[in-house]
Amino acid sequence: MDRQEFDIIRPYNAGEMKGALNALLSDRHFDRMCHGLAPWLPRTVRNGLFRLAFIGVKTPLDFQLRFMKPVVKHILKKCTKGVKADFGGLDKNGSFTFISNHRDIVLDSAILDLQLHLKGFRTTCEIAIGDNLLIYPWIETLVKMNKAFVVRRSLAGKDRLEGSRLMSSYMHYAINEKKENIWIAQREGRAKDSSDETQYSLLRMLNLGGDSQHTRENLRSLNIVPLTISYEYDPCDYLKATEFQLKRDNPDWKKSKQDDLDNMRTGIFGRKGRVVYVAGSAIDSILDTMPEGEFTKEMYIELAARIDRVIHAGYTLFPGNYVAADMLSGTKEFAEHYTERDKKTFLEYLEGQYKKIKVENPDREFLMERMLTMYANPVRNKLRAQKA
């Protein structure tokens, strides 16, 4: 395949970064956002500072380290109680496709990039981002400067299949020729109830662009590593609960662009508590135990379930998770994992989140149950994974 075919989805390369900066600084929506952050600075001064800070930035990796690293560090200092990352025995000079559960639209990959850098890995990740989130042109420009490639979810029919094939081909190229890492979520969109499950269609897509006639070899060449992300508190829990009620009351309800922006803003700047990243081993050993022959739909489903077990087993569970599980079951099965003070703290947190919900005729019992379920599901899934 002519590599120019990747131009529509790939991140910017070194020769395009200066032009991308110019496009960003001339965009009125980007300028409006910057004005909101620093209204005391005239536009010419803001743009001059950007250009000054950009000196020496030649590649998307340079951009990540110069701009994104300090921004993410600041967010984590302000909005978390610390981040821990365990990448096990992964080769720091290797190239991996990290498939993870999805906790935050923006920060999942941003935190991963920072932790890879801090742990001494050779490079950070190219990031798969859905075109549904590229609400304004400046967002697409910014994410492509930040090593992101575009998942074209808006395509339909044959175009969607060809789009999936193109993206898969690009991912194989990025891993095997560019020697980049890749991050991609295990499913389209976040699991609203935090019961994280890998879509088998994702694995099918990953096979489409491989050079081999055999699915195992195509998947093996991507060095797929299941990655578990655990948050003590999900700042978007009340927004997800709101969506549950709106969808229940009106099956035709759909999120607006403003809803997506609110979710991104809340996810970035909201309270998260402790955050933990745990990488499993590459799935080669799982592929070795799959039945012989070409992959069927059932085999993809089984592989997705095996990846899920690795992700679920990697959860870090916090007192609130156990409190939620006991409250929903009406038992004290997990009481050894929390104190009465832990329970009081968690329930006060939930009450505070409930008060943020803005919906006509809020159904308190339903909304609280939805939020409790979000915190209880990781407990249930981890127990099932440990028993499997």
Protein backbone atom coordinates (compact mmCIF):
# COMPACT_ATOMS: atom_id res chain seq x y z
CA MET A 1 0.00 0.00 0.00
CA ASP A 2 1.21 3.49 -0.85
CA ARG A 3 1.98 5.10 2.49
CA GLN A 4 0.45 8.34 1.29
CA GLU A 5 -2.88 6.61 1.85
CA PHE A 6 -2.25 7.01 5.57
CA ASP A 7 -2.20 10.80 5.28
CA ILE A 8 -5.91 11.12 6.09
CA ILE A 9 -5.54 9.43 9.50
CA ARG A 10 -1.90 9.55 10.63
CA PRO A 11 -0.26 11.96 13.10
CA TYR A 12 1.74 14.85 11.73
CA ASN A 13 5.33 14.16 10.77
CA ALA A 14 8.33 16.35 11.52
CA GLY A 15 7.96 18.48 8.40
CA GLU A 16 4.36 19.36 9.22
CA MET A 17 4.65 20.53 12.80
CA LYS A 18 5.39 24.21 12.06
CA GLY A 19 2.44 24.46 9.67
CA ALA A 20 0.22 22.78 12.25
CA LEU A 21 1.23 25.37 14.85
CA ASN A 22 0.37 28.18 12.43
CA ALA A 23 -3.03 26.61 11.77
CA LEU A 24 -3.65 26.27 15.49
CA LEU A 25 -2.77 29.87 16.30
CA SER A 26 -4.96 31.22 13.49
CA ASP A 27 -8.03 29.24 14.58
CA ARG A 28 -10.61 31.48 16.27
CA HIS A 29 -12.11 28.66 18.38
CA PHE A 30 -8.64 27.78 19.72
CA ASP A 31 -7.99 31.45 20.40
CA ARG A 32 -11.28 31.74 22.27
CA MET A 33 -10.31 28.80 24.49
CA CYS A 34 -6.88 30.32 25.18
CA HIS A 35 -8.49 33.65 25.98
CA GLY A 36 -10.66 31.90 28.56
CA LEU A 37 -7.55 30.44 30.18
CA ALA A 38 -5.57 33.69 30.18
CA PRO A 39 -7.92 36.63 29.50
CA TRP A 40 -5.34 39.16 30.73
CA LEU A 41 -2.96 38.33 27.84
CA PRO A 42 -3.52 39.93 24.41
CA ARG A 43 -3.70 37.49 21.51
CA THR A 44 -0.41 38.69 20.02
CA VAL A 45 1.35 38.05 23.32
CA ARG A 46 -0.22 34.58 23.71
CA ASN A 47 0.76 33.59 20.18
CA GLY A 48 4.27 34.97 20.68
CA LEU A 49 4.69 32.87 23.82
CA PHE A 50 3.48 29.78 21.98
CA ARG A 51 5.97 30.36 19.18
CA LEU A 52 8.78 30.95 21.66
CA ALA A 53 7.97 27.73 23.53
CA PHE A 54 7.82 25.88 20.20
CA ILE A 55 11.46 26.55 19.36
CA GLY A 56 13.22 23.20 19.04
CA VAL A 57 9.98 21.21 18.67
CA LYS A 58 10.39 19.23 15.46
CA THR A 59 8.35 16.05 16.02
CA PRO A 60 5.13 14.99 17.78
CA LEU A 61 7.29 13.33 20.47
CA ASP A 62 9.07 16.66 21.02
CA PHE A 63 5.64 18.29 21.33
CA GLN A 64 4.51 15.71 23.90
CA LEU A 65 7.61 16.21 26.03
CA ARG A 66 7.69 20.02 25.73
CA PHE A 67 3.98 20.76 26.13
CA MET A 68 1.94 17.74 27.21
CA LYS A 69 4.30 16.36 29.86
CA PRO A 70 4.16 19.47 32.12
CA VAL A 71 0.42 19.92 31.50
CA VAL A 72 -0.38 16.31 32.46
CA LYS A 73 1.94 16.51 35.48
CA HIS A 74 0.09 19.63 36.65
CA ILE A 75 -3.33 17.98 36.19
CA LEU A 76 -2.23 14.87 38.09
CA LYS A 77 -0.80 16.95 40.94
CA LYS A 78 -4.00 18.96 41.20
CA CYS A 79 -6.65 16.27 40.53
CA THR A 80 -5.21 12.98 41.84
CA LYS A 81 -3.58 11.54 44.95
CA GLY A 82 -0.82 10.13 42.81
CA VAL A 83 -0.32 7.71 39.91
CA LYS A 84 1.36 4.32 40.06
CA ALA A 85 2.35 2.34 36.97
CA ASP A 86 3.51 -1.29 36.70
CA PHE A 87 4.76 -2.29 33.26
CA GLY A 88 6.08 -5.64 34.46
CA GLY A 89 8.79 -7.12 32.31
CA LEU A 90 8.03 -5.20 29.11
CA ASP A 91 11.12 -4.41 27.03
CA LYS A 92 11.68 -0.65 27.27
CA ASN A 93 13.02 -0.67 23.70
CA GLY A 94 10.09 -2.66 22.33
CA SER A 95 6.98 -1.57 20.45
CA PHE A 96 3.59 -2.55 21.87
CA THR A 97 -0.09 -2.16 21.14
CA PHE A 98 -1.66 -1.35 24.50
CA ILE A 99 -5.35 -2.33 24.62
CA SER A 100 -6.91 -0.90 27.76
CA ASN A 101 -10.18 -0.32 29.50
CA HIS A 102 -11.41 3.22 28.97
CA ARG A 103 -11.77 5.54 31.97
CA ASP A 104 -11.21 9.00 30.51
CA ILE A 105 -11.57 10.38 26.99
CA VAL A 106 -8.37 12.43 27.14
CA LEU A 107 -6.26 11.27 30.07
CA ASP A 108 -6.12 7.49 29.56
CA SER A 109 -3.46 7.80 26.87
CA ALA A 110 -1.92 11.03 28.21
CA ILE A 111 -1.15 9.45 31.60
CA LEU A 112 0.18 6.32 29.87
CA ASP A 113 2.53 8.45 27.76
CA LEU A 114 3.85 10.25 30.82
CA GLN A 115 4.40 7.01 32.73
CA LEU A 116 6.19 5.36 29.79
CA HIS A 117 8.51 8.37 29.63
CA LEU A 118 9.12 8.40 33.38
CA LYS A 119 9.84 4.65 33.38
CA GLY A 120 12.48 5.06 30.67
CA PHE A 121 10.70 3.58 27.65
CA ARG A 122 12.17 4.49 24.28
CA THR A 123 9.08 6.32 23.09
CA THR A 124 5.50 7.14 24.03
CA CYS A 125 2.34 6.01 22.20
CA GLU A 126 0.56 6.90 19.04
CA ILE A 127 -3.05 7.31 20.15
CA ALA A 128 -6.24 6.10 18.47
CA ILE A 129 -8.92 8.80 18.75
CA GLY A 130 -12.44 8.70 17.32
CA ASP A 131 -13.43 11.37 14.79
CA ASN A 132 -16.60 11.94 16.86
CA LEU A 133 -14.41 13.77 19.37
CA LEU A 134 -12.83 16.04 16.77
CA ILE A 135 -15.59 18.57 17.27
CA TYR A 136 -13.59 21.54 15.97
CA PRO A 137 -10.72 21.66 13.45
CA TRP A 138 -8.31 22.89 16.14
CA ILE A 139 -8.91 19.72 18.17
CA GLU A 140 -7.90 17.54 15.21
CA THR A 141 -4.82 19.70 14.62
CA LEU A 142 -3.83 19.50 18.28
CA VAL A 143 -4.25 15.73 18.65
CA LYS A 144 -2.31 15.03 15.45
CA MET A 145 0.51 17.16 16.85
CA ASN A 146 0.24 14.90 19.92
CA LYS A 147 0.91 11.60 18.06
CA ALA A 148 -2.77 10.74 17.50
CA PHE A 149 -4.24 8.90 14.52
CA VAL A 150 -7.91 9.11 13.65
CA VAL A 151 -10.51 6.33 13.97
CA ARG A 152 -13.14 7.24 11.35
CA ARG A 153 -16.26 6.09 13.15
CA SER A 154 -18.54 8.26 11.00
CA LEU A 155 -18.05 5.99 7.97
CA ALA A 156 -20.79 3.51 7.03
CA GLY A 157 -21.21 0.41 4.87
CA LYS A 158 -18.30 -0.50 2.57
CA ASP A 159 -16.55 2.76 3.46
CA ARG A 160 -16.46 1.68 7.10
CA LEU A 161 -14.83 -1.63 6.19
CA GLU A 162 -12.22 0.10 4.04
CA GLY A 163 -11.66 2.64 6.80
CA SER A 164 -11.04 -0.20 9.27
CA ARG A 165 -8.64 -1.86 6.85
CA LEU A 166 -6.73 1.39 6.39
CA MET A 167 -6.46 1.96 10.13
CA SER A 168 -5.34 -1.61 10.75
CA SER A 169 -2.70 -1.30 8.03
CA TYR A 170 -1.49 1.91 9.60
CA MET A 171 -1.21 0.28 13.03
CA HIS A 172 0.84 -2.61 11.63
CA TYR A 173 3.05 -0.07 9.85
CA ALA A 174 3.46 2.05 13.01
CA ILE A 175 4.45 -0.96 15.14
CA ASN A 176 6.64 -2.86 12.69
CA GLU A 177 8.24 -0.12 10.58
CA LYS A 178 8.04 3.12 12.58
CA LYS A 179 8.71 1.14 15.80
CA GLU A 180 6.12 3.18 17.70
CA ASN A 181 3.93 2.13 20.62
CA ILE A 182 0.16 2.38 20.15
CA TRP A 183 -2.70 2.92 22.59
CA ILE A 184 -6.26 1.95 21.71
CA ALA A 185 -9.33 1.51 23.91
CA GLN A 186 -10.85 -1.97 24.16
CA ARG A 187 -14.21 -0.68 22.92
CA GLU A 188 -15.81 2.24 21.14
CA GLY A 189 -16.62 4.70 23.92
CA ARG A 190 -16.35 4.20 27.66
CA ALA A 191 -18.25 1.48 29.50
CA LYS A 192 -20.87 3.58 31.27
CA ASP A 193 -21.22 1.00 34.08
CA SER A 194 -17.46 0.32 34.33
CA SER A 195 -17.97 -3.32 33.34
CA ASP A 196 -15.11 -3.29 30.89
CA GLU A 197 -15.37 -5.65 27.93
CA THR A 198 -13.28 -5.86 24.77
CA GLN A 199 -15.25 -5.68 21.54
CA TYR A 200 -14.34 -8.71 19.44
CA SER A 201 -14.79 -6.50 16.36
CA LEU A 202 -11.70 -4.56 17.49
CA LEU A 203 -9.62 -7.73 17.23
CA ARG A 204 -11.11 -8.46 13.81
CA MET A 205 -10.10 -4.98 12.71
CA LEU A 206 -6.53 -5.49 13.95
CA ASN A 207 -6.23 -8.53 11.70
CA LEU A 208 -7.37 -6.73 8.53
CA GLY A 209 -4.13 -4.89 7.82
CA GLY A 210 -1.60 -7.62 8.55
CA ASP A 211 0.75 -9.12 5.97
CA SER A 212 0.11 -12.74 6.94
CA GLN A 213 -2.71 -14.99 5.74
CA HIS A 214 -3.00 -16.22 9.32
CA THR A 215 -4.81 -14.24 12.02
CA ARG A 216 -2.50 -15.44 14.80
CA GLU A 217 0.56 -14.06 13.07
CA ASN A 218 -1.13 -10.76 12.26
CA LEU A 219 -2.15 -10.29 15.89
CA ARG A 220 1.18 -11.53 17.21
CA SER A 221 3.06 -8.98 15.08
CA LEU A 222 1.24 -6.15 16.90
CA ASN A 223 2.67 -7.18 20.32
CA ILE A 224 -0.72 -6.68 21.98
CA VAL A 225 -0.52 -5.93 25.72
CA PRO A 226 -3.69 -5.75 27.85
CA LEU A 227 -3.54 -2.70 30.12
CA THR A 228 -5.69 -2.04 33.20
CA ILE A 229 -6.56 1.49 34.32
CA SER A 230 -8.01 1.93 37.82
CA TYR A 231 -9.42 5.17 39.26
CA GLU A 232 -10.40 5.55 42.90
CA TYR A 233 -13.05 8.05 41.81
CA ASP A 234 -14.52 8.56 38.35
CA PRO A 235 -15.18 12.30 38.01
CA CYS A 236 -17.70 11.58 35.22
CA ASP A 237 -19.76 9.10 37.27
CA TYR A 238 -22.64 11.53 37.76
CA LEU A 239 -22.61 12.45 34.05
CA LYS A 240 -22.81 8.77 33.11
CA ALA A 241 -25.67 8.25 35.59
CA THR A 242 -27.44 11.22 34.04
CA GLU A 243 -27.08 9.63 30.59
CA PHE A 244 -28.61 6.41 31.93
CA GLN A 245 -31.71 8.23 33.13
CA LEU A 246 -32.04 10.38 30.01
CA LYS A 247 -31.76 7.26 27.82
CA ARG A 248 -34.21 5.37 30.03
CA ASP A 249 -36.78 8.17 29.90
CA ASN A 250 -36.27 8.85 26.19
CA PRO A 251 -34.76 6.00 24.11
CA ASP A 252 -34.08 8.47 21.27
CA TRP A 253 -31.95 10.77 23.44
CA LYS A 254 -28.42 11.34 22.13
CA LYS A 255 -25.45 13.25 23.46
CA SER A 256 -24.69 16.64 21.95
CA LYS A 257 -21.29 18.13 21.10
CA GLN A 258 -21.60 20.17 24.27
CA ASP A 259 -22.16 16.96 26.27
CA ASP A 260 -18.92 15.56 24.83
CA LEU A 261 -17.06 18.74 25.75
CA ASP A 262 -18.51 18.66 29.29
CA ASN A 263 -17.38 15.05 29.67
CA MET A 264 -13.87 15.88 28.47
CA ARG A 265 -13.58 18.90 30.75
CA THR A 266 -14.95 17.05 33.79
CA GLY A 267 -12.78 14.00 33.12
CA ILE A 268 -9.62 16.09 32.92
CA PHE A 269 -10.14 18.43 35.85
CA GLY A 270 -12.37 16.35 38.16
CA ARG A 271 -11.32 14.53 41.33
CA LYS A 272 -9.81 11.10 40.69
CA GLY A 273 -8.18 10.02 43.93
CA ARG A 274 -5.56 7.35 43.37
CA VAL A 275 -4.81 6.17 39.81
CA VAL A 276 -3.07 2.91 38.90
CA TYR A 277 -1.90 1.50 35.55
CA VAL A 278 -1.01 -2.21 35.31
CA ALA A 279 0.24 -3.85 32.11
CA GLY A 280 -0.17 -7.58 31.56
CA SER A 281 2.03 -9.73 29.38
CA ALA A 282 1.76 -9.69 25.59
CA ILE A 283 -1.01 -12.03 24.43
CA ASP A 284 1.31 -14.40 22.52
CA SER A 285 0.81 -17.17 25.09
CA ILE A 286 -2.97 -16.76 24.77
CA LEU A 287 -2.75 -16.98 20.97
CA ASP A 288 -0.68 -20.17 21.31
CA THR A 289 -3.53 -21.87 23.16
CA MET A 290 -6.29 -20.88 20.73
CA PRO A 291 -7.75 -23.72 18.58
CA GLU A 292 -6.04 -24.54 15.29
CA GLY A 293 -7.39 -23.20 12.02
CA GLU A 294 -8.45 -19.77 10.80
CA PHE A 295 -10.26 -17.56 13.30
CA THR A 296 -14.03 -17.77 13.46
CA LYS A 297 -16.33 -15.25 15.11
CA GLU A 298 -16.46 -17.52 18.16
CA MET A 299 -12.65 -17.55 18.37
CA TYR A 300 -12.51 -13.75 18.27
CA ILE A 301 -15.12 -13.66 21.04
CA GLU A 302 -13.08 -16.13 23.09
CA LEU A 303 -9.87 -14.14 22.57
CA ALA A 304 -11.65 -10.94 23.64
CA ALA A 305 -12.86 -12.72 26.79
CA ARG A 306 -9.33 -13.92 27.57
CA ILE A 307 -7.99 -10.36 27.18
CA ASP A 308 -10.77 -9.16 29.48
CA ARG A 309 -9.70 -11.61 32.17
CA VAL A 310 -6.18 -10.15 32.10
CA ILE A 311 -7.56 -6.59 32.31
CA HIS A 312 -9.99 -7.51 35.10
CA ALA A 313 -7.34 -9.36 37.09
CA GLY A 314 -5.20 -6.22 36.95
CA TYR A 315 -7.75 -3.96 38.67
CA THR A 316 -6.62 -2.12 41.77
CA LEU A 317 -9.66 -2.05 44.07
CA PHE A 318 -10.24 0.77 46.55
CA PRO A 319 -12.46 0.88 49.65
CA GLY A 320 -15.27 2.56 47.70
CA ASN A 321 -15.42 -0.36 45.26
CA TYR A 322 -16.03 -2.79 48.12
CA VAL A 323 -18.52 -0.48 49.84
CA ALA A 324 -20.51 -0.22 46.61
CA ALA A 325 -20.52 -3.99 46.11
CA ASP A 326 -21.80 -4.60 49.66
CA MET A 327 -24.45 -1.90 49.42
CA LEU A 328 -25.87 -3.33 46.22
CA SER A 329 -25.93 -6.89 47.57
CA GLY A 330 -27.17 -5.87 51.03
CA THR A 331 -24.41 -7.90 52.66
CA LYS A 332 -21.07 -7.34 54.38
CA GLU A 333 -19.18 -9.78 52.17
CA PHE A 334 -16.30 -7.37 51.64
CA ALA A 335 -16.38 -5.57 55.01
CA GLU A 336 -12.79 -6.59 55.75
CA HIS A 337 -11.65 -4.29 52.95
CA TYR A 338 -12.99 -1.04 54.39
CA THR A 339 -13.65 0.74 57.67
CA GLU A 340 -16.73 2.64 58.78
CA ARG A 341 -14.80 5.82 58.06
CA ASP A 342 -14.05 4.59 54.52
CA LYS A 343 -17.76 3.92 54.03
CA LYS A 344 -18.75 7.33 55.35
CA THR A 345 -16.21 9.05 53.09
CA PHE A 346 -17.41 7.18 50.01
CA LEU A 347 -21.10 7.82 50.68
CA GLU A 348 -20.41 11.51 51.23
CA TYR A 349 -18.57 11.54 47.92
CA LEU A 350 -21.54 9.90 46.14
CA GLU A 351 -23.94 12.37 47.71
CA GLY A 352 -21.80 15.24 46.45
CA GLN A 353 -21.80 13.75 42.95
CA TYR A 354 -25.58 13.24 43.03
CA LYS A 355 -26.06 16.92 43.83
CA LYS A 356 -24.25 17.81 40.59
CA ILE A 357 -26.86 16.01 38.47
CA LYS A 358 -28.98 18.41 36.48
CA VAL A 359 -31.95 16.60 34.96
CA GLU A 360 -35.68 17.14 35.17
CA ASN A 361 -37.32 14.89 37.76
CA PRO A 362 -34.15 13.13 38.94
CA ASP A 363 -34.84 9.56 39.99
CA ARG A 364 -32.61 9.42 43.08
CA GLU A 365 -32.88 5.68 43.67
CA PHE A 366 -32.09 4.88 40.04
CA LEU A 367 -29.24 7.39 39.79
CA MET A 368 -27.58 6.25 43.02
CA GLU A 369 -27.90 2.61 41.95
CA ARG A 370 -26.22 3.44 38.64
CA MET A 371 -23.29 5.12 40.36
CA LEU A 372 -22.92 2.31 42.90
CA THR A 373 -22.89 -0.19 40.03
CA MET A 374 -20.02 1.67 38.37
CA TYR A 375 -17.89 1.14 41.48
CA ALA A 376 -19.08 -2.40 42.22
CA ASN A 377 -18.48 -3.91 38.78
CA PRO A 378 -14.67 -3.92 39.02
CA VAL A 379 -15.01 -6.03 42.20
CA ARG A 380 -17.31 -8.51 40.49
CA ASN A 381 -15.15 -8.71 37.37
CA LYS A 382 -11.90 -9.16 39.28
CA LEU A 383 -13.38 -12.01 41.34
CA ARG A 384 -14.58 -13.77 38.18
CA ALA A 385 -11.16 -13.32 36.56
CA GLN A 386 -9.39 -14.79 39.59
CA LYS A 387 -11.69 -17.83 39.56
CA ALA A 388 -11.31 -18.50 35.83
